[in-house]
Amino acid sequence: QVQPVESGGGVVQAGGSLGLSCEASGRNFGSYSMGWFRQAPGKEREFVAGVNWSSKTLYADSVKGRFTISRDNAKNTVYLGMTSLKPEDTAVYYCGAAMNIEFVGINKSSWYDYWGQGTQVTVSS
């Protein structure tokens, strides 16, 4: 069992950059697939990026080329680097952890076992 805790959100101007961190306390972090999802007001939670236990990554088309997900198993932490931010990136960003899932499911929020409380990212125009 792990408990993700996000940090690093804030307010940034369009075109700017921001980095998020998610530290997951607990054992066997390296065995978990980790994903970043986001939810804007009035919208459903959507997949942003995911990284599996072997550091294979997947990105939503809307963030490909702008966001980078990475993990440091020694620190039990997954990161999301965000560049060229747009107002439509404004949302609460959530970190999720999933054990023993196929890579094909890394973009499915229902497959995740544990979630953080979320961190707000606001991109002003």
Protein backbone atom coordinates (compact mmCIF):
# COMPACT_ATOMS: atom_id res chain seq x y z
CA GLN A 1 0.00 0.00 0.00
CA VAL A 2 1.20 3.53 -0.83
CA GLN A 3 -0.16 6.98 -0.10
CA PRO A 4 0.59 9.59 -2.78
CA VAL A 5 1.02 13.23 -1.80
CA GLU A 6 1.25 15.88 -4.52
CA SER A 7 3.10 19.18 -4.30
CA GLY A 8 4.26 21.97 -6.57
CA GLY A 9 1.07 23.45 -7.91
CA GLY A 10 0.56 27.17 -8.27
CA VAL A 11 -0.26 30.03 -10.58
CA VAL A 12 1.74 30.61 -13.76
CA GLN A 13 1.30 32.72 -16.86
CA ALA A 14 0.55 31.14 -20.21
CA GLY A 15 3.74 29.95 -21.84
CA GLY A 16 5.40 29.38 -18.50
CA SER A 17 6.62 26.23 -16.79
CA LEU A 18 5.82 24.40 -13.59
CA GLY A 19 6.91 21.18 -11.94
CA LEU A 20 4.80 18.83 -9.84
CA SER A 21 6.03 16.15 -7.46
CA CYS A 22 4.26 13.17 -5.99
CA GLU A 23 5.85 11.34 -3.10
CA ALA A 24 4.26 8.01 -2.31
CA SER A 25 4.93 6.70 1.17
CA GLY A 26 4.83 2.95 1.60
CA ARG A 27 6.58 -0.14 0.36
CA ASN A 28 7.36 -1.44 -3.10
CA PHE A 29 6.99 1.93 -4.82
CA GLY A 30 9.08 0.64 -7.72
CA SER A 31 6.44 -1.97 -8.48
CA TYR A 32 3.67 0.56 -9.01
CA SER A 33 2.60 2.25 -12.19
CA MET A 34 2.16 5.95 -11.49
CA GLY A 35 -0.09 8.36 -13.30
CA TRP A 36 -0.98 12.02 -13.38
CA PHE A 37 -4.60 12.92 -14.02
CA ARG A 38 -6.35 16.29 -13.92
CA GLN A 39 -9.84 17.58 -13.38
CA ALA A 40 -11.08 21.00 -14.40
CA PRO A 41 -14.29 22.49 -12.97
CA GLY A 42 -17.34 20.87 -14.51
CA LYS A 43 -15.29 18.27 -16.34
CA GLU A 44 -14.41 14.65 -15.76
CA ARG A 45 -11.01 13.57 -14.54
CA GLU A 46 -8.73 13.00 -17.50
CA PHE A 47 -5.43 11.24 -18.04
CA VAL A 48 -2.32 13.38 -18.41
CA ALA A 49 0.71 11.09 -18.24
CA GLY A 50 1.74 7.75 -16.84
CA VAL A 51 4.92 5.78 -16.16
CA ASN A 52 5.08 2.09 -15.42
CA TRP A 53 7.48 0.10 -13.25
CA SER A 54 10.05 -0.08 -16.07
CA SER A 55 9.79 3.66 -16.79
CA LYS A 56 7.78 3.21 -19.97
CA THR A 57 5.72 6.37 -20.45
CA LEU A 58 2.46 7.41 -22.06
CA TYR A 59 1.09 10.91 -22.60
CA ALA A 60 -2.26 12.37 -23.49
CA ASP A 61 -2.21 13.94 -26.94
CA SER A 62 -3.04 17.32 -25.42
CA VAL A 63 0.22 17.44 -23.45
CA LYS A 64 2.59 15.45 -25.66
CA GLY A 65 5.77 17.39 -26.31
CA ARG A 66 5.05 19.83 -23.46
CA PHE A 67 4.89 17.63 -20.34
CA THR A 68 7.43 15.09 -19.09
CA ILE A 69 6.79 12.39 -16.51
CA SER A 70 9.65 10.71 -14.66
CA ARG A 71 10.18 8.68 -11.53
CA ASP A 72 12.89 8.27 -8.91
CA ASN A 73 12.33 5.00 -7.12
CA ALA A 74 15.03 5.77 -4.55
CA LYS A 75 12.93 8.75 -3.44
CA ASN A 76 9.51 7.12 -3.91
CA THR A 77 8.66 10.07 -6.11
CA VAL A 78 7.16 10.71 -9.52
CA TYR A 79 7.50 14.06 -11.25
CA LEU A 80 5.59 15.98 -13.90
CA GLY A 81 7.45 18.70 -15.71
CA MET A 82 5.14 21.09 -17.55
CA THR A 83 6.25 23.62 -20.14
CA SER A 84 4.48 25.89 -22.62
CA LEU A 85 1.49 25.92 -20.31
CA LYS A 86 -1.89 26.97 -21.66
CA PRO A 87 -4.99 28.27 -19.87
CA GLU A 88 -6.70 24.99 -20.74
CA ASP A 89 -4.14 23.18 -18.57
CA THR A 90 -5.79 24.78 -15.53
CA ALA A 91 -7.08 22.00 -13.27
CA VAL A 92 -6.53 20.10 -10.08
CA TYR A 93 -3.78 17.60 -10.78
CA TYR A 94 -3.95 14.21 -9.09
CA CYS A 95 -1.32 11.55 -8.68
CA GLY A 96 -2.40 7.92 -8.72
CA ALA A 97 -0.69 4.62 -8.00
CA ALA A 98 -1.63 1.30 -9.51
CA MET A 99 -0.23 -2.14 -8.70
CA ASN A 100 0.07 -4.95 -11.21
CA ILE A 101 -1.65 -3.34 -14.18
CA GLU A 102 -0.90 -3.82 -17.82
CA PHE A 103 0.59 -0.82 -19.60
CA VAL A 104 -2.52 -0.64 -21.76
CA GLY A 105 -4.47 0.43 -18.68
CA ILE A 106 -2.16 3.16 -17.49
CA ASN A 107 -4.46 5.86 -18.84
CA LYS A 108 -7.57 4.47 -17.11
CA SER A 109 -8.34 6.13 -13.78
CA SER A 110 -10.52 3.20 -12.70
CA TRP A 111 -7.47 0.93 -12.69
CA TYR A 112 -5.69 2.99 -10.01
CA ASP A 113 -5.70 1.90 -6.39
CA TYR A 114 -4.48 4.96 -4.52
CA TRP A 115 -4.85 8.69 -5.06
CA GLY A 116 -3.41 11.86 -3.64
CA GLN A 117 -5.46 14.84 -2.54
CA GLY A 118 -4.59 16.89 -5.63
CA THR A 119 -2.76 20.13 -6.27
CA GLN A 120 -4.15 23.15 -8.09
CA VAL A 121 -2.50 24.41 -11.27
CA THR A 122 -3.78 27.70 -12.64
CA VAL A 123 -2.53 29.10 -15.94
CA SER A 124 -3.46 32.72 -16.53
CA SER A 125 -3.79 34.17 -20.02
